Amino acid sequence: SLHHPDCAKNLTCSYRCVYWDYVQESWSSDGCTTMAATSTSKTTCQCSHLTNFAILASFDPEHHAHTEALSTVSLVCGIISMIGLGLTCIIIGMFKKLRGLTAMKITFCFSASMF
């Protein structure tokens, strides 16, 4: 039996018993069966072998009320951040006096690395 956090009320969740397949370098459910959960935070697995086990949780985003709004806000904020980083690099590059300051060199390198 493995314990996991409860699923949020507004999401549809499913749990699957898996193990790490070292040959394929991925999670596999071969030889494992997900038994009926005794509670919302506990799932029992039955496997025919011994190895590293886990429960993969799958959340259905279509049932989440704010998925589209959150995606839009994330996209807009990401674009604004990229514009701000670009402007920072341009402004520091344009002014010779700013380029000489150690703090501005650090800021420029940090801003450029964020691109």
Protein backbone atom coordinates (compact mmCIF):
# COMPACT_ATOMS: atom_id res chain seq x y z
CA SER A 1 0.00 0.00 0.00
CA LEU A 2 1.28 3.45 -0.94
CA HIS A 3 0.06 6.73 0.49
CA HIS A 4 -0.42 9.83 -1.66
CA PRO A 5 -2.11 13.25 -1.31
CA ASP A 6 -5.85 13.45 -1.81
CA CYS A 7 -7.05 14.56 -5.22
CA ALA A 8 -8.51 18.07 -5.34
CA LYS A 9 -12.30 18.17 -5.38
CA ASN A 10 -12.53 19.80 -8.81
CA LEU A 11 -10.14 17.36 -10.57
CA THR A 12 -10.63 13.86 -11.88
CA CYS A 13 -7.69 11.74 -10.72
CA SER A 14 -6.54 8.26 -11.58
CA TYR A 15 -3.68 6.31 -10.03
CA ARG A 16 -1.55 3.57 -11.62
CA CYS A 17 0.93 1.21 -9.97
CA VAL A 18 4.26 1.14 -11.79
CA TYR A 19 7.89 0.16 -11.34
CA TRP A 20 11.12 1.53 -12.80
CA ASP A 21 12.27 -0.59 -15.75
CA TYR A 22 16.05 -0.20 -15.88
CA VAL A 23 16.28 -1.77 -19.36
CA GLN A 24 13.79 0.62 -21.00
CA GLU A 25 14.70 3.46 -18.62
CA SER A 26 11.06 4.34 -18.01
CA TRP A 27 8.12 3.53 -15.75
CA SER A 28 6.29 0.29 -16.61
CA SER A 29 3.17 -1.38 -15.25
CA ASP A 30 3.99 -4.89 -16.57
CA GLY A 31 3.32 -7.41 -13.81
CA CYS A 32 1.62 -4.83 -11.57
CA THR A 33 -2.08 -4.45 -10.85
CA THR A 34 -3.69 -1.45 -9.19
CA MET A 35 -6.04 -2.76 -6.54
CA ALA A 36 -9.09 -0.88 -5.30
CA ALA A 37 -8.10 2.08 -3.15
CA THR A 38 -9.24 1.73 0.46
CA SER A 39 -9.36 5.50 0.89
CA THR A 40 -8.79 8.63 -1.18
CA SER A 41 -5.16 8.85 -0.07
CA LYS A 42 -4.09 5.19 -0.16
CA THR A 43 -3.66 2.85 -3.13
CA THR A 44 -2.72 -0.82 -2.94
CA CYS A 45 -0.59 -2.41 -5.63
CA GLN A 46 -0.11 -6.10 -6.37
CA CYS A 47 3.02 -6.98 -8.36
CA SER A 48 4.58 -10.26 -9.37
CA HIS A 49 8.17 -9.08 -8.81
CA LEU A 50 10.28 -7.01 -6.42
CA THR A 51 11.74 -3.70 -7.57
CA ASN A 52 11.28 0.07 -7.14
CA PHE A 53 7.57 0.85 -7.04
CA ALA A 54 5.59 4.07 -7.31
CA ILE A 55 2.14 5.38 -8.06
CA LEU A 56 1.74 7.61 -11.10
CA ALA A 57 -1.06 10.11 -10.67
CA SER A 58 -2.94 11.42 -13.66
CA PHE A 59 -5.06 14.55 -13.34
CA ASP A 60 -7.68 15.43 -15.95
CA PRO A 61 -7.11 19.15 -16.72
CA GLU A 62 -10.37 19.45 -18.66
CA HIS A 63 -12.30 19.30 -15.43
CA HIS A 64 -10.25 22.09 -13.91
CA ALA A 65 -12.32 25.28 -13.99
CA HIS A 66 -9.49 27.73 -14.71
CA THR A 67 -7.16 25.86 -17.07
CA GLU A 68 -7.63 28.18 -20.06
CA ALA A 69 -7.37 31.36 -17.97
CA LEU A 70 -4.20 30.14 -16.24
CA SER A 71 -2.62 29.24 -19.58
CA THR A 72 -3.40 32.70 -20.96
CA VAL A 73 -2.03 34.48 -17.89
CA SER A 74 1.14 32.36 -18.01
CA LEU A 75 1.68 33.17 -21.68
CA VAL A 76 1.12 36.92 -21.20
CA CYS A 77 3.40 37.09 -18.14
CA GLY A 78 6.10 35.12 -19.97
CA ILE A 79 5.98 37.53 -22.91
CA ILE A 80 6.15 40.55 -20.59
CA SER A 81 9.14 39.01 -18.78
CA MET A 82 10.98 38.36 -22.05
CA ILE A 83 10.34 41.95 -23.20
CA GLY A 84 11.64 43.26 -19.87
CA LEU A 85 14.77 41.12 -20.07
CA GLY A 86 15.38 42.24 -23.63
CA LEU A 87 14.98 45.91 -22.70
CA THR A 88 17.35 45.46 -19.77
CA CYS A 89 20.03 44.02 -22.06
CA ILE A 90 19.50 46.76 -24.66
CA ILE A 91 19.62 49.61 -22.13
CA ILE A 92 22.77 48.29 -20.43
CA GLY A 93 24.39 47.75 -23.84
CA MET A 94 23.54 51.27 -25.07
CA PHE A 95 25.04 53.24 -22.20
CA LYS A 96 28.81 52.97 -21.91
CA LYS A 97 28.72 54.34 -18.37
CA LEU A 98 26.43 51.49 -17.25
CA ARG A 99 28.55 48.82 -18.94
CA GLY A 100 31.53 49.73 -16.77
CA LEU A 101 29.78 49.10 -13.44
CA THR A 102 30.31 45.65 -11.94
CA ALA A 103 26.69 45.45 -10.78
CA MET A 104 25.50 46.20 -14.32
CA LYS A 105 27.80 43.54 -15.78
CA ILE A 106 26.29 41.01 -13.41
CA THR A 107 22.76 42.21 -14.24
CA PHE A 108 23.50 42.03 -17.97
CA CYS A 109 24.91 38.49 -17.73
CA PHE A 110 21.96 37.38 -15.62
CA SER A 111 19.43 38.96 -18.00
CA ALA A 112 21.15 37.51 -21.07
CA SER A 113 21.22 34.04 -19.53
CA MET A 114 17.47 34.19 -18.87
CA PHE A 115 16.81 34.46 -22.61
